[in-house]
Amino acid sequence: MWLCGVVGQLYVFLIWLEERAAQRDRSERGKRVRVPAGFLAYLKYSRALPPWILVLVFVALPLAIMAHGAPLAALILVALVALAPVLFKKFDS
């Protein structure tokens, strides 16, 4: 279960990196691509739907089950997951 969750998260992260690199490349060359805003449009126009299902089943569901028995530990893990993109964006800029 842990391995599937890690693989799903890693895949989502790598897809995000690839999309950022492609977006920067297009902007440097002056090309504009219009994709509708929103999470559902993101899932529709990217390859991220299967790994998000993995993340939901193998990360979010176990965290919800864990929150029933150990709410503090689950809260700490959720906080770390929420802070990870913020830290990456700070170090990326």
N, C-alpha and C. Protein backbone atom coordinates (compact mmCIF):
# COMPACT_ATOMS: atom_id res chain seq x y z
N MET A 1 0.83 -1.19 0.00
CA MET A 1 0.00 0.00 0.00
C MET A 1 0.88 1.25 0.00
N TRP A 2 1.92 1.24 0.83
CA TRP A 2 2.82 2.39 0.91
C TRP A 2 3.50 2.61 -0.44
N LEU A 3 3.97 1.54 -1.05
CA LEU A 3 4.66 1.65 -2.33
C LEU A 3 3.75 2.21 -3.42
N CYS A 4 2.51 1.77 -3.47
CA CYS A 4 1.58 2.30 -4.48
C CYS A 4 1.32 3.78 -4.24
N GLY A 5 1.19 4.19 -2.99
CA GLY A 5 0.99 5.61 -2.69
C GLY A 5 2.17 6.45 -3.10
N VAL A 6 3.37 5.97 -2.82
CA VAL A 6 4.59 6.71 -3.19
C VAL A 6 4.73 6.78 -4.71
N VAL A 7 4.46 5.68 -5.39
CA VAL A 7 4.55 5.69 -6.85
C VAL A 7 3.54 6.65 -7.45
N GLY A 8 2.32 6.65 -6.93
CA GLY A 8 1.30 7.58 -7.42
C GLY A 8 1.70 9.03 -7.21
N GLN A 9 2.19 9.35 -6.01
CA GLN A 9 2.61 10.72 -5.73
C GLN A 9 3.80 11.13 -6.59
N LEU A 10 4.74 10.23 -6.76
CA LEU A 10 5.91 10.53 -7.58
C LEU A 10 5.51 10.77 -9.04
N TYR A 11 4.58 9.97 -9.54
CA TYR A 11 4.13 10.14 -10.92
C TYR A 11 3.42 11.48 -11.11
N VAL A 12 2.55 11.84 -10.15
CA VAL A 12 1.87 13.13 -10.22
C VAL A 12 2.89 14.27 -10.20
N PHE A 13 3.89 14.16 -9.34
CA PHE A 13 4.92 15.19 -9.25
C PHE A 13 5.71 15.30 -10.55
N LEU A 14 6.08 14.18 -11.14
CA LEU A 14 6.84 14.22 -12.39
C LEU A 14 6.02 14.77 -13.54
N ILE A 15 4.72 14.45 -13.59
CA ILE A 15 3.85 15.03 -14.62
C ILE A 15 3.78 16.54 -14.44
N TRP A 16 3.67 16.99 -13.19
CA TRP A 16 3.62 18.42 -12.91
C TRP A 16 4.91 19.10 -13.37
N LEU A 17 6.07 18.48 -13.08
CA LEU A 17 7.35 19.05 -13.52
C LEU A 17 7.43 19.13 -15.04
N GLU A 18 6.97 18.07 -15.71
CA GLU A 18 7.00 18.05 -17.16
C GLU A 18 6.11 19.15 -17.74
N GLU A 19 4.93 19.34 -17.16
CA GLU A 19 4.05 20.39 -17.65
C GLU A 19 4.63 21.78 -17.43
N ARG A 20 5.30 21.98 -16.29
CA ARG A 20 5.94 23.28 -16.04
C ARG A 20 7.06 23.54 -17.04
N ALA A 21 7.86 22.50 -17.32
CA ALA A 21 8.96 22.66 -18.28
C ALA A 21 8.41 22.95 -19.67
N ALA A 22 7.36 22.27 -20.07
CA ALA A 22 6.76 22.51 -21.39
C ALA A 22 6.17 23.91 -21.46
N GLN A 23 5.54 24.35 -20.36
CA GLN A 23 4.97 25.69 -20.34
C GLN A 23 6.06 26.76 -20.45
N ARG A 24 7.15 26.58 -19.74
CA ARG A 24 8.27 27.54 -19.84
C ARG A 24 8.87 27.56 -21.23
N ASP A 25 8.99 26.37 -21.84
CA ASP A 25 9.56 26.28 -23.18
C ASP A 25 8.66 27.00 -24.18
N ARG A 26 7.34 26.77 -24.07
CA ARG A 26 6.41 27.45 -24.99
C ARG A 26 6.44 28.95 -24.79
N SER A 27 6.52 29.41 -23.54
CA SER A 27 6.52 30.87 -23.31
C SER A 27 7.81 31.49 -23.82
N GLU A 28 8.93 30.77 -23.75
CA GLU A 28 10.20 31.30 -24.28
C GLU A 28 10.16 31.42 -25.80
N ARG A 29 9.42 30.51 -26.44
CA ARG A 29 9.32 30.55 -27.89
C ARG A 29 8.15 31.40 -28.37
N GLY A 30 7.37 31.95 -27.44
CA GLY A 30 6.28 32.84 -27.81
C GLY A 30 5.00 32.14 -28.19
N LYS A 31 4.86 30.86 -27.90
CA LYS A 31 3.64 30.13 -28.22
C LYS A 31 2.71 30.16 -27.02
N ARG A 32 1.40 30.27 -27.30
CA ARG A 32 0.42 30.27 -26.22
C ARG A 32 -0.57 29.12 -26.45
N VAL A 33 -0.80 28.37 -25.39
CA VAL A 33 -1.76 27.26 -25.44
C VAL A 33 -2.82 27.53 -24.38
N ARG A 34 -4.07 27.55 -24.79
CA ARG A 34 -5.16 27.83 -23.86
C ARG A 34 -5.76 26.51 -23.37
N VAL A 35 -5.67 26.28 -22.08
CA VAL A 35 -6.31 25.14 -21.43
C VAL A 35 -7.27 25.72 -20.41
N PRO A 36 -8.50 25.24 -20.37
CA PRO A 36 -9.45 25.77 -19.39
C PRO A 36 -8.92 25.62 -17.97
N ALA A 37 -9.24 26.59 -17.14
CA ALA A 37 -8.78 26.57 -15.75
C ALA A 37 -9.60 25.58 -14.94
N GLY A 38 -9.02 25.11 -13.86
CA GLY A 38 -9.74 24.23 -12.94
C GLY A 38 -9.14 22.85 -12.86
N PHE A 39 -9.44 22.18 -11.76
CA PHE A 39 -8.87 20.86 -11.50
C PHE A 39 -9.43 19.81 -12.46
N LEU A 40 -10.72 19.87 -12.77
CA LEU A 40 -11.31 18.89 -13.68
C LEU A 40 -10.75 19.03 -15.10
N ALA A 41 -10.53 20.26 -15.54
CA ALA A 41 -9.90 20.46 -16.85
C ALA A 41 -8.47 19.95 -16.84
N TYR A 42 -7.78 20.14 -15.72
CA TYR A 42 -6.42 19.63 -15.59
C TYR A 42 -6.41 18.11 -15.76
N LEU A 43 -7.36 17.43 -15.12
CA LEU A 43 -7.41 15.98 -15.25
C LEU A 43 -7.79 15.55 -16.66
N LYS A 44 -8.67 16.32 -17.31
CA LYS A 44 -9.11 15.97 -18.65
C LYS A 44 -7.99 16.12 -19.68
N TYR A 45 -7.20 17.20 -19.56
CA TYR A 45 -6.19 17.50 -20.58
C TYR A 45 -4.79 17.03 -20.22
N SER A 46 -4.64 16.27 -19.15
CA SER A 46 -3.32 15.75 -18.80
C SER A 46 -3.40 14.25 -18.60
N ARG A 47 -2.26 13.65 -18.34
CA ARG A 47 -2.22 12.21 -18.10
C ARG A 47 -2.28 11.91 -16.60
N ALA A 48 -2.80 12.82 -15.81
CA ALA A 48 -2.71 12.71 -14.36
C ALA A 48 -3.87 11.96 -13.71
N LEU A 49 -4.89 11.57 -14.43
CA LEU A 49 -6.03 10.92 -13.78
C LEU A 49 -5.68 9.58 -13.13
N PRO A 50 -5.00 8.65 -13.81
CA PRO A 50 -4.68 7.37 -13.14
C PRO A 50 -3.83 7.53 -11.88
N PRO A 51 -2.77 8.35 -11.87
CA PRO A 51 -2.03 8.48 -10.62
C PRO A 51 -2.82 9.17 -9.52
N TRP A 52 -3.73 10.08 -9.86
CA TRP A 52 -4.56 10.71 -8.82
C TRP A 52 -5.48 9.68 -8.19
N ILE A 53 -5.94 8.71 -8.98
CA ILE A 53 -6.75 7.63 -8.40
C ILE A 53 -5.90 6.81 -7.44
N LEU A 54 -4.65 6.53 -7.82
CA LEU A 54 -3.73 5.82 -6.91
C LEU A 54 -3.52 6.60 -5.62
N VAL A 55 -3.32 7.91 -5.74
CA VAL A 55 -3.10 8.74 -4.56
C VAL A 55 -4.34 8.74 -3.67
N LEU A 56 -5.51 8.81 -4.28
CA LEU A 56 -6.74 8.79 -3.50
C LEU A 56 -6.91 7.48 -2.74
N VAL A 57 -6.70 6.37 -3.44
CA VAL A 57 -6.92 5.05 -2.82
C VAL A 57 -5.82 4.69 -1.84
N PHE A 58 -4.57 4.99 -2.16
CA PHE A 58 -3.46 4.50 -1.35
C PHE A 58 -2.85 5.55 -0.41
N VAL A 59 -3.31 6.79 -0.47
CA VAL A 59 -2.82 7.81 0.46
C VAL A 59 -3.97 8.43 1.24
N ALA A 60 -4.95 8.99 0.53
CA ALA A 60 -6.03 9.70 1.23
C ALA A 60 -6.91 8.75 2.04
N LEU A 61 -7.27 7.62 1.48
CA LEU A 61 -8.11 6.67 2.20
C LEU A 61 -7.42 6.13 3.46
N PRO A 62 -6.16 5.68 3.40
CA PRO A 62 -5.50 5.26 4.64
C PRO A 62 -5.35 6.39 5.66
N LEU A 63 -5.14 7.63 5.19
CA LEU A 63 -5.07 8.75 6.12
C LEU A 63 -6.40 8.97 6.82
N ALA A 64 -7.50 8.81 6.08
CA ALA A 64 -8.81 8.95 6.70
C ALA A 64 -9.06 7.85 7.73
N ILE A 65 -8.64 6.64 7.42
CA ILE A 65 -8.78 5.54 8.37
C ILE A 65 -7.89 5.78 9.58
N MET A 66 -6.69 6.28 9.35
CA MET A 66 -5.75 6.57 10.44
C MET A 66 -6.26 7.69 11.34
N ALA A 67 -6.97 8.66 10.76
CA ALA A 67 -7.49 9.78 11.54
C ALA A 67 -8.48 9.32 12.60
N HIS A 68 -9.13 8.21 12.35
CA HIS A 68 -10.08 7.68 13.34
C HIS A 68 -9.36 7.20 14.59
N GLY A 69 -8.21 6.56 14.45
CA GLY A 69 -7.48 6.02 15.60
C GLY A 69 -6.41 6.93 16.16
N ALA A 70 -5.76 7.68 15.28
CA ALA A 70 -4.66 8.56 15.71
C ALA A 70 -4.80 9.90 15.01
N PRO A 71 -5.70 10.75 15.48
CA PRO A 71 -5.97 12.01 14.77
C PRO A 71 -4.78 12.96 14.73
N LEU A 72 -3.96 13.00 15.77
CA LEU A 72 -2.82 13.91 15.76
C LEU A 72 -1.79 13.51 14.70
N ALA A 73 -1.50 12.22 14.61
CA ALA A 73 -0.54 11.74 13.60
C ALA A 73 -1.06 12.01 12.20
N ALA A 74 -2.35 11.77 11.97
CA ALA A 74 -2.94 12.03 10.65
C ALA A 74 -2.90 13.52 10.32
N LEU A 75 -3.16 14.36 11.32
CA LEU A 75 -3.12 15.81 11.10
C LEU A 75 -1.71 16.28 10.75
N ILE A 76 -0.72 15.72 11.42
CA ILE A 76 0.68 16.08 11.11
C ILE A 76 1.03 15.67 9.68
N LEU A 77 0.63 14.46 9.27
CA LEU A 77 0.92 14.01 7.91
C LEU A 77 0.20 14.86 6.87
N VAL A 78 -1.04 15.23 7.13
CA VAL A 78 -1.78 16.09 6.19
C VAL A 78 -1.12 17.46 6.09
N ALA A 79 -0.65 17.99 7.22
CA ALA A 79 0.03 19.29 7.21
C ALA A 79 1.31 19.22 6.39
N LEU A 80 2.06 18.13 6.53
CA LEU A 80 3.29 17.96 5.75
C LEU A 80 2.99 17.87 4.26
N VAL A 81 1.94 17.15 3.92
CA VAL A 81 1.55 17.03 2.51
C VAL A 81 1.12 18.39 1.95
N ALA A 82 0.44 19.18 2.76
CA ALA A 82 -0.01 20.50 2.29
C ALA A 82 1.15 21.47 2.16
N LEU A 83 2.17 21.34 3.00
CA LEU A 83 3.31 22.26 2.94
C LEU A 83 4.33 21.91 1.87
N ALA A 84 4.35 20.68 1.40
CA ALA A 84 5.34 20.26 0.42
C ALA A 84 5.30 21.10 -0.86
N PRO A 85 4.13 21.33 -1.48
CA PRO A 85 4.13 22.17 -2.70
C PRO A 85 4.56 23.61 -2.43
N VAL A 86 4.21 24.12 -1.25
CA VAL A 86 4.60 25.49 -0.90
C VAL A 86 6.12 25.60 -0.82
N LEU A 87 6.74 24.63 -0.16
CA LEU A 87 8.21 24.64 -0.04
C LEU A 87 8.88 24.46 -1.39
N PHE A 88 8.33 23.56 -2.24
CA PHE A 88 8.93 23.35 -3.54
C PHE A 88 8.84 24.62 -4.37
N LYS A 89 7.70 25.30 -4.32
CA LYS A 89 7.55 26.53 -5.10
C LYS A 89 8.52 27.61 -4.62
N LYS A 90 8.74 27.66 -3.29
CA LYS A 90 9.67 28.64 -2.74
C LYS A 90 11.09 28.35 -3.21
N PHE A 91 11.50 27.09 -3.19
CA PHE A 91 12.85 26.73 -3.62
C PHE A 91 13.01 26.79 -5.13
N ASP A 92 11.91 26.64 -5.88
CA ASP A 92 11.96 26.64 -7.34
C ASP A 92 12.13 28.04 -7.91
N SER A 93 11.66 29.04 -7.21
CA SER A 93 11.70 30.40 -7.77
C SER A 93 13.04 31.08 -7.61
